[in-house]
Structures are given as C-alpha cells and as structure tokens.
Amino acid sequence: MKKYQIQNTPYIVPTTDGKHIEEHHGKIATGNTEISIARMIAPPHWSEPFQTPEFDEYTYIITGKKQFIIEGDTIVLEAGQSIRIQKNARIQYSNPFDEPCEYLSVCLPAFTMEAVHREE
C-alpha cells in the first residue's frame, strides 16, 4: 500500500451563489474527517451568511481580496496574506470587491455542513 495519495480529481461542490469550490482532501473528496483542503473562487460581490463553525479555518489568498467579519471586526486580506480563525468564532465571509478572489482553505477537523452552523 502506498503511503501517499495524489489528488487529480477534486470534488466540485455544487453551489447556487456562483462560488467555485474544489475539495481536494476532506470528508467528501477522500473520506478524511481530520482535515479538508479546498481551492475556492469567490465571484465579485459574493457573500455568505454569518456562521459559527466547529473547526479552525486557515485561509490563504492567491489572487484578489476577501473580506472577513470576525466577532465584529472587519478584516480585508489581499494576495499573499493568510489568516487562522479559531473554531466557534462568529464570522461572515464575503468578496464585496469588483474582481474574483481565489484562495485556499484548510479546515481542522474537516469541513462539514453540519459543523458550520450558518445563520438563516
């Protein structure tokens, strides 16, 4: 048995808001519940509802800018910057800017819809 796994076919998560999500490793793509790694592209003027995830999330911005509202603080990251957000923080992700934002997201443990706790 090989001690590595090359991922050539990430799971493309179906969305209705124009955001592109490729899960390379995680619960859906590889059955891994310990970590998820995803490449995402948030279109201009995109946003998600507030949420309070049960996982730590690390985000690295590849291109563009992304806005975070974390516990009432508004933060904007640009290409080359990264952030760690601890589990159980109330957060909203958005791209209120005119260009797409491409980024990587790492969640520990792996992202699941049941653990994200999005507000309605």
Protein backbone atom coordinates (compact mmCIF):
# COMPACT_ATOMS: atom_id res chain seq x y z
CA MET A 1 0.00 0.00 0.00
CA LYS A 2 1.34 3.43 -0.96
CA LYS A 3 1.93 6.00 1.75
CA TYR A 4 0.76 8.91 -0.39
CA GLN A 5 -2.29 9.95 -2.36
CA ILE A 6 -2.19 12.24 -5.38
CA GLN A 7 -5.45 14.09 -5.92
CA ASN A 8 -6.17 14.70 -9.61
CA THR A 9 -9.95 14.78 -9.40
CA PRO A 10 -11.15 17.08 -6.59
CA TYR A 11 -14.82 17.03 -5.69
CA ILE A 12 -16.56 20.07 -7.20
CA VAL A 13 -19.07 21.20 -4.58
CA PRO A 14 -22.41 22.24 -6.11
CA THR A 15 -23.27 25.85 -5.23
CA THR A 16 -26.09 28.25 -6.02
CA ASP A 17 -24.22 31.51 -5.30
CA GLY A 18 -21.57 31.47 -8.06
CA LYS A 19 -18.72 30.41 -5.75
CA HIS A 20 -16.45 27.70 -7.16
CA ILE A 21 -15.32 25.10 -4.59
CA GLU A 22 -12.87 22.25 -5.29
CA GLU A 23 -12.41 19.98 -2.28
CA HIS A 24 -9.07 18.23 -2.80
CA HIS A 25 -8.96 16.42 0.54
CA GLY A 26 -11.77 16.18 3.06
CA LYS A 27 -14.85 14.25 4.06
CA ILE A 28 -16.48 14.22 0.62
CA ALA A 29 -13.42 14.09 -1.68
CA THR A 30 -11.32 11.50 0.15
CA GLY A 31 -13.25 10.41 3.25
CA ASN A 32 -10.83 12.28 5.52
CA THR A 33 -12.61 13.77 8.56
CA GLU A 34 -9.42 15.14 10.16
CA ILE A 35 -8.68 17.89 7.61
CA SER A 36 -10.14 19.45 4.49
CA ILE A 37 -8.23 21.36 1.83
CA ALA A 38 -10.13 23.27 -0.81
CA ARG A 39 -9.42 25.74 -3.61
CA MET A 40 -12.14 28.33 -3.98
CA ILE A 41 -13.01 31.25 -6.22
CA ALA A 42 -15.43 33.79 -4.79
CA PRO A 43 -17.02 35.90 -7.54
CA PRO A 44 -17.22 39.69 -7.25
CA HIS A 45 -19.93 40.94 -4.84
CA TRP A 46 -20.42 37.48 -3.26
CA SER A 47 -21.16 36.83 0.42
CA GLU A 48 -22.26 34.05 2.75
CA PRO A 49 -24.46 34.26 5.84
CA PHE A 50 -22.81 34.56 9.24
CA GLN A 51 -21.69 31.24 10.70
CA THR A 52 -20.07 29.79 13.83
CA PRO A 53 -18.02 26.78 12.71
CA GLU A 54 -16.88 23.92 14.95
CA PHE A 55 -13.49 23.84 13.19
CA ASP A 56 -10.40 26.03 12.87
CA GLU A 57 -10.09 27.52 9.39
CA TYR A 58 -6.92 28.70 7.67
CA THR A 59 -7.29 30.83 4.53
CA TYR A 60 -4.54 31.82 2.08
CA ILE A 61 -5.38 34.42 -0.59
CA ILE A 62 -3.94 33.62 -4.04
CA THR A 63 -5.46 36.48 -6.07
CA GLY A 64 -7.89 39.30 -5.34
CA LYS A 65 -9.19 40.31 -1.92
CA LYS A 66 -11.55 38.74 0.61
CA GLN A 67 -13.41 40.36 3.49
CA PHE A 68 -13.95 38.70 6.87
CA ILE A 69 -16.19 39.95 9.67
CA ILE A 70 -14.97 38.09 12.76
CA GLU A 71 -16.65 38.73 16.09
CA GLY A 72 -17.49 42.27 14.88
CA ASP A 73 -14.02 43.08 13.44
CA THR A 74 -13.84 43.72 9.67
CA ILE A 75 -10.63 42.46 8.06
CA VAL A 76 -9.62 42.51 4.38
CA LEU A 77 -6.88 40.18 3.15
CA GLU A 78 -5.07 40.52 -0.16
CA ALA A 79 -2.99 38.15 -2.30
CA GLY A 80 -0.12 36.63 -0.33
CA GLN A 81 -1.79 37.06 3.07
CA SER A 82 -3.29 34.36 5.27
CA ILE A 83 -5.37 34.07 8.42
CA ARG A 84 -6.29 31.48 11.04
CA ILE A 85 -9.76 31.72 12.54
CA GLN A 86 -10.41 29.68 15.66
CA LYS A 87 -13.42 27.41 15.94
CA ASN A 88 -16.59 28.80 17.48
CA ALA A 89 -15.89 32.35 16.22
CA ARG A 90 -18.87 34.10 14.61
CA ILE A 91 -17.78 35.01 11.09
CA GLN A 92 -19.01 36.19 7.72
CA TYR A 93 -17.03 35.68 4.51
CA SER A 94 -17.52 37.96 1.51
CA ASN A 95 -15.99 39.44 -1.62
CA PRO A 96 -17.54 42.92 -1.91
CA PHE A 97 -14.91 43.88 -4.49
CA ASP A 98 -15.03 44.08 -8.30
CA GLU A 99 -12.65 41.21 -9.06
CA PRO A 100 -12.81 37.48 -8.20
CA CYS A 101 -10.89 36.19 -5.18
CA GLU A 102 -9.06 32.86 -5.46
CA TYR A 103 -7.98 31.27 -2.19
CA LEU A 104 -7.12 28.07 -0.38
CA SER A 105 -9.00 26.97 2.71
CA VAL A 106 -7.83 24.39 5.25
CA CYS A 107 -10.24 23.24 7.96
CA LEU A 108 -9.32 21.24 11.08
CA PRO A 109 -11.23 18.99 11.56
CA ALA A 110 -12.65 18.69 8.03
CA PHE A 111 -15.46 20.97 6.86
CA THR A 112 -18.99 19.60 7.03
CA MET A 113 -22.30 21.40 6.57
CA GLU A 114 -23.40 20.06 9.97
CA ALA A 115 -20.40 21.69 11.70
CA VAL A 116 -20.53 25.12 10.01
CA HIS A 117 -23.76 26.42 11.67
CA ARG A 118 -24.78 29.03 9.08
CA GLU A 119 -27.35 31.56 10.17
CA GLU A 120 -30.51 31.98 8.14
